[in-house]
């Protein structure tokens, strides 16, 4: 209905032929000159969470200890 194609590669040679045919079908040119660099700045938040968790454990075992 949609005109899609099915490709089955049973070996390396067939796979190369499939890629060649897919390359022929591709009509758009891609311009890949712009790269964006991102940084994950989560280390401070992870250390803060770890510190608060440790503080909670220490307080629960000392000052906030409940007597059964």
PDB file of N, CA and C in Angstrom:
ATOM      1  N   UNK A   1       0.820  -1.196   0.000  1.00  0.00           N
ATOM      2  CA  UNK A   1       0.000   0.000   0.000  1.00  0.00           C
ATOM      3  C   UNK A   1       0.866   1.263   0.000  1.00  0.00           C
ATOM      4  N   UNK A   2       1.956   1.250   0.765  1.00  0.00           N
ATOM      5  CA  UNK A   2       2.781   2.450   0.893  1.00  0.00           C
ATOM      6  C   UNK A   2       3.965   2.466  -0.055  1.00  0.00           C
ATOM      7  N   UNK A   3       4.211   1.364  -0.726  1.00  0.00           N
ATOM      8  CA  UNK A   3       5.348   1.307  -1.649  1.00  0.00           C
ATOM      9  C   UNK A   3       6.657   1.023  -0.950  1.00  0.00           C
ATOM     10  N   UNK A   4       6.597   0.529   0.279  1.00  0.00           N
ATOM     11  CA  UNK A   4       7.812   0.217   1.014  1.00  0.00           C
ATOM     12  C   UNK A   4       8.508  -1.007   0.458  1.00  0.00           C
ATOM     13  N   UNK A   5       9.777  -1.138   0.742  1.00  0.00           N
ATOM     14  CA  UNK A   5      10.553  -2.274   0.271  1.00  0.00           C
ATOM     15  C   UNK A   5      11.105  -3.051   1.455  1.00  0.00           C
ATOM     16  N   UNK A   6      11.266  -4.349   1.253  1.00  0.00           N
ATOM     17  CA  UNK A   6      11.817  -5.238   2.261  1.00  0.00           C
ATOM     18  C   UNK A   6      13.154  -5.743   1.757  1.00  0.00           C
ATOM     19  N   UNK A   7      14.174  -5.636   2.589  1.00  0.00           N
ATOM     20  CA  UNK A   7      15.511  -6.095   2.233  1.00  0.00           C
ATOM     21  C   UNK A   7      15.934  -7.168   3.221  1.00  0.00           C
ATOM     22  N   UNK A   8      16.432  -8.280   2.685  1.00  0.00           N
ATOM     23  CA  UNK A   8      16.933  -9.340   3.544  1.00  0.00           C
ATOM     24  C   UNK A   8      18.357  -9.654   3.120  1.00  0.00           C
ATOM     25  N   UNK A   9      19.265  -9.497   4.063  1.00  0.00           N
ATOM     26  CA  UNK A   9      20.674  -9.759   3.787  1.00  0.00           C
ATOM     27  C   UNK A   9      21.057 -11.073   4.451  1.00  0.00           C
ATOM     28  N   UNK A  10      21.462 -12.038   3.635  1.00  0.00           N
ATOM     29  CA  UNK A  10      21.833 -13.344   4.161  1.00  0.00           C
ATOM     30  C   UNK A  10      23.341 -13.527   4.243  1.00  0.00           C
ATOM     31  N   UNK A  11      24.086 -12.542   3.777  1.00  0.00           N
ATOM     32  CA  UNK A  11      25.542 -12.631   3.829  1.00  0.00           C
ATOM     33  C   UNK A  11      26.148 -11.254   3.653  1.00  0.00           C
ATOM     34  N   UNK A  12      27.465 -11.190   3.739  1.00  0.00           N
ATOM     35  CA  UNK A  12      28.155  -9.900   3.631  1.00  0.00           C
ATOM     36  C   UNK A  12      28.002  -9.293   2.249  1.00  0.00           C
ATOM     37  N   UNK A  13      28.092 -10.113   1.203  1.00  0.00           N
ATOM     38  CA  UNK A  13      27.977  -9.599  -0.164  1.00  0.00           C
ATOM     39  C   UNK A  13      26.570  -9.067  -0.416  1.00  0.00           C
ATOM     40  N   UNK A  14      25.582  -9.817   0.032  1.00  0.00           N
ATOM     41  CA  UNK A  14      24.184  -9.389  -0.133  1.00  0.00           C
ATOM     42  C   UNK A  14      23.929  -8.117   0.668  1.00  0.00           C
ATOM     43  N   UNK A  15      24.525  -8.025   1.847  1.00  0.00           N
ATOM     44  CA  UNK A  15      24.355  -6.831   2.673  1.00  0.00           C
ATOM     45  C   UNK A  15      24.931  -5.604   1.973  1.00  0.00           C
ATOM     46  N   UNK A  16      26.079  -5.755   1.355  1.00  0.00           N
ATOM     47  CA  UNK A  16      26.676  -4.641   0.616  1.00  0.00           C
ATOM     48  C   UNK A  16      25.771  -4.229  -0.542  1.00  0.00           C
ATOM     49  N   UNK A  17      25.168  -5.196  -1.235  1.00  0.00           N
ATOM     50  CA  UNK A  17      24.246  -4.878  -2.328  1.00  0.00           C
ATOM     51  C   UNK A  17      23.006  -4.159  -1.809  1.00  0.00           C
ATOM     52  N   UNK A  18      22.516  -4.577  -0.658  1.00  0.00           N
ATOM     53  CA  UNK A  18      21.345  -3.925  -0.055  1.00  0.00           C
ATOM     54  C   UNK A  18      21.668  -2.477   0.282  1.00  0.00           C
ATOM     55  N   UNK A  19      22.843  -2.245   0.867  1.00  0.00           N
ATOM     56  CA  UNK A  19      23.229  -0.866   1.193  1.00  0.00           C
ATOM     57  C   UNK A  19      23.390  -0.026  -0.068  1.00  0.00           C
ATOM     58  N   UNK A  20      23.930  -0.601  -1.130  1.00  0.00           N
ATOM     59  CA  UNK A  20      24.057   0.131  -2.393  1.00  0.00           C
ATOM     60  C   UNK A  20      22.693   0.525  -2.934  1.00  0.00           C
ATOM     61  N   UNK A  21      21.737  -0.394  -2.869  1.00  0.00           N
ATOM     62  CA  UNK A  21      20.398  -0.086  -3.357  1.00  0.00           C
ATOM     63  C   UNK A  21      19.718   0.972  -2.500  1.00  0.00           C
ATOM     64  N   UNK A  22      19.902   0.902  -1.189  1.00  0.00           N
ATOM     65  CA  UNK A  22      19.327   1.916  -0.299  1.00  0.00           C
ATOM     66  C   UNK A  22      19.957   3.270  -0.583  1.00  0.00           C
ATOM     67  N   UNK A  23      21.262   3.302  -0.833  1.00  0.00           N
ATOM     68  CA  UNK A  23      21.927   4.560  -1.164  1.00  0.00           C
ATOM     69  C   UNK A  23      21.359   5.164  -2.440  1.00  0.00           C
ATOM     70  N   UNK A  24      21.007   4.327  -3.407  1.00  0.00           N
ATOM     71  CA  UNK A  24      20.414   4.835  -4.653  1.00  0.00           C
ATOM     72  C   UNK A  24      19.028   5.406  -4.409  1.00  0.00           C
ATOM     73  N   UNK A  25      18.307   4.862  -3.437  1.00  0.00           N
ATOM     74  CA  UNK A  25      16.955   5.342  -3.135  1.00  0.00           C
ATOM     75  C   UNK A  25      16.969   6.682  -2.402  1.00  0.00           C
ATOM     76  N   UNK A  26      18.029   6.957  -1.669  1.00  0.00           N
ATOM     77  CA  UNK A  26      18.104   8.181  -0.863  1.00  0.00           C
ATOM     78  C   UNK A  26      18.235   9.393  -1.773  1.00  0.00           C
ATOM     79  N   UNK A  27      17.330  10.358  -1.603  1.00  0.00           N
ATOM     80  CA  UNK A  27      17.301  11.532  -2.475  1.00  0.00           C
ATOM     81  C   UNK A  27      17.889  12.787  -1.829  1.00  0.00           C
ATOM     82  N   UNK A  28      17.897  12.861  -0.522  1.00  0.00           N
ATOM     83  CA  UNK A  28      18.321  14.083   0.149  1.00  0.00           C
ATOM     84  C   UNK A  28      19.820  14.042   0.451  1.00  0.00           C
ATOM     85  N   UNK A  29      20.432  15.187   0.346  1.00  0.00           N
ATOM     86  CA  UNK A  29      21.836  15.344   0.708  1.00  0.00           C
ATOM     87  C   UNK A  29      21.911  15.876   2.132  1.00  0.00           C
ATOM     88  N   UNK A  30      22.794  15.332   2.920  1.00  0.00           N
ATOM     89  CA  UNK A  30      22.963  15.785   4.291  1.00  0.00           C
ATOM     90  C   UNK A  30      24.224  16.628   4.396  1.00  0.00           C
ATOM     91  N   UNK A  31      24.100  17.762   5.043  1.00  0.00           N
ATOM     92  CA  UNK A  31      25.243  18.633   5.280  1.00  0.00           C
ATOM     93  C   UNK A  31      25.587  18.538   6.759  1.00  0.00           C
ATOM     94  N   UNK A  32      26.655  17.838   7.064  1.00  0.00           N
ATOM     95  CA  UNK A  32      27.013  17.598   8.455  1.00  0.00           C
ATOM     96  C   UNK A  32      28.293  18.362   8.762  1.00  0.00           C
ATOM     97  N   UNK A  33      28.141  19.648   8.969  1.00  0.00           N
ATOM     98  CA  UNK A  33      29.279  20.481   9.333  1.00  0.00           C
ATOM     99  C   UNK A  33      29.143  21.043  10.734  1.00  0.00           C
ATOM    100  N   UNK A  34      27.941  21.046  11.242  1.00  0.00           N
ATOM    101  CA  UNK A  34      27.694  21.655  12.547  1.00  0.00           C
ATOM    102  C   UNK A  34      27.514  20.558  13.592  1.00  0.00           C
ATOM    103  N   UNK A  35      28.362  20.591  14.596  1.00  0.00           N
ATOM    104  CA  UNK A  35      28.263  19.646  15.701  1.00  0.00           C
ATOM    105  C   UNK A  35      28.011  20.443  16.970  1.00  0.00           C
ATOM    106  N   UNK A  36      27.168  19.927  17.821  1.00  0.00           N
ATOM    107  CA  UNK A  36      26.933  20.600  19.095  1.00  0.00           C
ATOM    108  C   UNK A  36      27.548  19.769  20.207  1.00  0.00           C
ATOM    109  N   UNK A  37      28.181  20.446  21.124  1.00  0.00           N
ATOM    110  CA  UNK A  37      28.826  19.783  22.255  1.00  0.00           C
ATOM    111  C   UNK A  37      28.006  20.064  23.502  1.00  0.00           C
ATOM    112  N   UNK A  38      27.614  19.022  24.188  1.00  0.00           N
ATOM    113  CA  UNK A  38      26.843  19.192  25.407  1.00  0.00           C
ATOM    114  C   UNK A  38      27.602  18.592  26.578  1.00  0.00           C
ATOM    115  N   UNK A  39      27.345  19.133  27.740  1.00  0.00           N
ATOM    116  CA  UNK A  39      27.958  18.625  28.962  1.00  0.00           C
ATOM    117  C   UNK A  39      26.861  18.290  29.960  1.00  0.00           C
ATOM    118  N   UNK A  40      27.070  17.222  30.671  1.00  0.00           N
ATOM    119  CA  UNK A  40      26.148  16.842  31.738  1.00  0.00           C
ATOM    120  C   UNK A  40      26.733  17.330  33.055  1.00  0.00           C
ATOM    121  N   UNK A  41      26.066  18.286  33.670  1.00  0.00           N
ATOM    122  CA  UNK A  41      26.531  18.856  34.929  1.00  0.00           C
ATOM    123  C   UNK A  41      25.690  18.328  36.083  1.00  0.00           C
ATOM    124  N   UNK A  42      25.793  17.048  36.331  1.00  0.00           N
ATOM    125  CA  UNK A  42      25.015  16.438  37.390  1.00  0.00           C
ATOM    126  C   UNK A  42      25.875  16.028  38.576  1.00  0.00           C
ATOM    127  N   UNK A  43      27.182  16.165  38.492  1.00  0.00           N
ATOM    128  CA  UNK A  43      28.058  15.668  39.545  1.00  0.00           C
ATOM    129  C   UNK A  43      27.774  16.362  40.872  1.00  0.00           C
ATOM    130  N   UNK A  44      27.574  17.676  40.864  1.00  0.00           N
ATOM    131  CA  UNK A  44      27.294  18.411  42.104  1.00  0.00           C
ATOM    132  C   UNK A  44      25.999  17.901  42.731  1.00  0.00           C
ATOM    133  N   UNK A  45      24.961  17.694  41.906  1.00  0.00           N
ATOM    134  CA  UNK A  45      23.675  17.228  42.432  1.00  0.00           C
ATOM    135  C   UNK A  45      23.779  15.795  42.944  1.00  0.00           C
ATOM    136  N   UNK A  46      24.554  14.969  42.272  1.00  0.00           N
ATOM    137  CA  UNK A  46      24.731  13.585  42.731  1.00  0.00           C
ATOM    138  C   UNK A  46      25.479  13.553  44.060  1.00  0.00           C
ATOM    139  N   UNK A  47      26.514  14.378  44.200  1.00  0.00           N
ATOM    140  CA  UNK A  47      27.254  14.427  45.457  1.00  0.00           C
ATOM    141  C   UNK A  47      26.393  14.986  46.585  1.00  0.00           C
ATOM    142  N   UNK A  48      25.587  15.989  46.278  1.00  0.00           N
ATOM    143  CA  UNK A  48      24.681  16.550  47.280  1.00  0.00           C
ATOM    144  C   UNK A  48      23.664  15.498  47.740  1.00  0.00           C
ATOM    145  N   UNK A  49      23.101  14.749  46.801  1.00  0.00           N
ATOM    146  CA  UNK A  49      22.147  13.693  47.150  1.00  0.00           C
ATOM    147  C   UNK A  49      22.822  12.613  47.990  1.00  0.00           C
ATOM    148  N   UNK A  50      24.029  12.236  47.629  1.00  0.00           N
ATOM    149  CA  UNK A  50      24.766  11.233  48.397  1.00  0.00           C
ATOM    150  C   UNK A  50      25.062  11.741  49.806  1.00  0.00           C
ATOM    151  N   UNK A  51      25.455  13.015  49.924  1.00  0.00           N
ATOM    152  CA  UNK A  51      25.727  13.602  51.230  1.00  0.00           C
ATOM    153  C   UNK A  51      24.487  13.651  52.105  1.00  0.00           C
ATOM    154  N   UNK A  52      23.363  14.049  51.529  1.00  0.00           N
ATOM    155  CA  UNK A  52      22.119  14.101  52.295  1.00  0.00           C
ATOM    156  C   UNK A  52      21.669  12.698  52.715  1.00  0.00           C
ATOM    157  N   UNK A  53      21.854  11.726  51.844  1.00  0.00           N
ATOM    158  CA  UNK A  53      21.505  10.350  52.179  1.00  0.00           C
ATOM    159  C   UNK A  53      22.385   9.839  53.319  1.00  0.00           C
ATOM    160  N   UNK A  54      23.667  10.145  53.257  1.00  0.00           N
ATOM    161  CA  UNK A  54      24.585   9.741  54.329  1.00  0.00           C
ATOM    162  C   UNK A  54      24.224  10.435  55.631  1.00  0.00           C
ATOM    163  N   UNK A  55      23.899  11.718  55.568  1.00  0.00           N
ATOM    164  CA  UNK A  55      23.486  12.458  56.755  1.00  0.00           C
ATOM    165  C   UNK A  55      22.222  11.857  57.368  1.00  0.00           C
ATOM    166  N   UNK A  56      21.289  11.454  56.530  1.00  0.00           N
ATOM    167  CA  UNK A  56      20.061  10.844  57.028  1.00  0.00           C
ATOM    168  C   UNK A  56      20.357   9.531  57.746  1.00  0.00           C
ATOM    169  N   UNK A  57      21.247   8.732  57.204  1.00  0.00           N
ATOM    170  CA  UNK A  57      21.602   7.460  57.853  1.00  0.00           C
ATOM    171  C   UNK A  57      22.295   7.717  59.184  1.00  0.00           C
ATOM    172  N   UNK A  58      23.227   8.671  59.223  1.00  0.00           N
ATOM    173  CA  UNK A  58      23.945   8.976  60.464  1.00  0.00           C
ATOM    174  C   UNK A  58      22.983   9.509  61.517  1.00  0.00           C
ATOM    175  N   UNK A  59      22.101  10.425  61.150  1.00  0.00           N
ATOM    176  CA  UNK A  59      21.139  10.977  62.111  1.00  0.00           C
ATOM    177  C   UNK A  59      20.177   9.910  62.606  1.00  0.00           C
ATOM    178  N   UNK A  60      19.766   9.014  61.726  1.00  0.00           N
ATOM    179  CA  UNK A  60      18.831   7.961  62.134  1.00  0.00           C
ATOM    180  C   UNK A  60      19.499   6.981  63.116  1.00  0.00           C
ATOM    181  N   UNK A  61      20.797   6.790  63.016  1.00  0.00           N
ATOM    182  CA  UNK A  61      21.495   5.869  63.898  1.00  0.00           C
ATOM    183  C   UNK A  61      21.954   6.540  65.201  1.00  0.00           C
ATOM    184  N   UNK A  62      21.945   7.883  65.253  1.00  0.00           N
ATOM    185  CA  UNK A  62      22.425   8.590  66.449  1.00  0.00           C
ATOM    186  C   UNK A  62      21.326   9.426  67.069  1.00  0.00           C
ATOM    187  N   UNK A  63      21.163  10.635  66.629  1.00  0.00           N
ATOM    188  CA  UNK A  63      20.292  11.629  67.262  1.00  0.00           C
ATOM    189  C   UNK A  63      18.797  11.287  67.134  1.00  0.00           C
ATOM    190  N   UNK A  64      18.386  10.795  65.997  1.00  0.00           N
ATOM    191  CA  UNK A  64      16.972  10.506  65.765  1.00  0.00           C
ATOM    192  C   UNK A  64      16.632   9.043  65.990  1.00  0.00           C
ATOM    193  N   UNK A  65      17.414   8.369  66.779  1.00  0.00           N
ATOM    194  CA  UNK A  65      17.223   6.940  67.027  1.00  0.00           C
ATOM    195  C   UNK A  65      15.938   6.718  67.819  1.00  0.00           C
ATOM    196  N   UNK A  66      15.163   5.732  67.407  1.00  0.00           N
ATOM    197  CA  UNK A  66      13.938   5.378  68.131  1.00  0.00           C
ATOM    198  C   UNK A  66      14.209   4.149  68.980  1.00  0.00           C
ATOM    199  N   UNK A  67      13.625   4.145  70.146  1.00  0.00           N
ATOM    200  CA  UNK A  67      13.811   3.023  71.068  1.00  0.00           C
ATOM    201  C   UNK A  67      12.616   2.095  70.905  1.00  0.00           C
ATOM    202  N   UNK A  68      12.884   0.837  70.600  1.00  0.00           N
ATOM    203  CA  UNK A  68      11.756  -0.097  70.376  1.00  0.00           C
ATOM    204  C   UNK A  68      10.977  -0.403  71.619  1.00  0.00           C
TER     205      UNK A  68
END
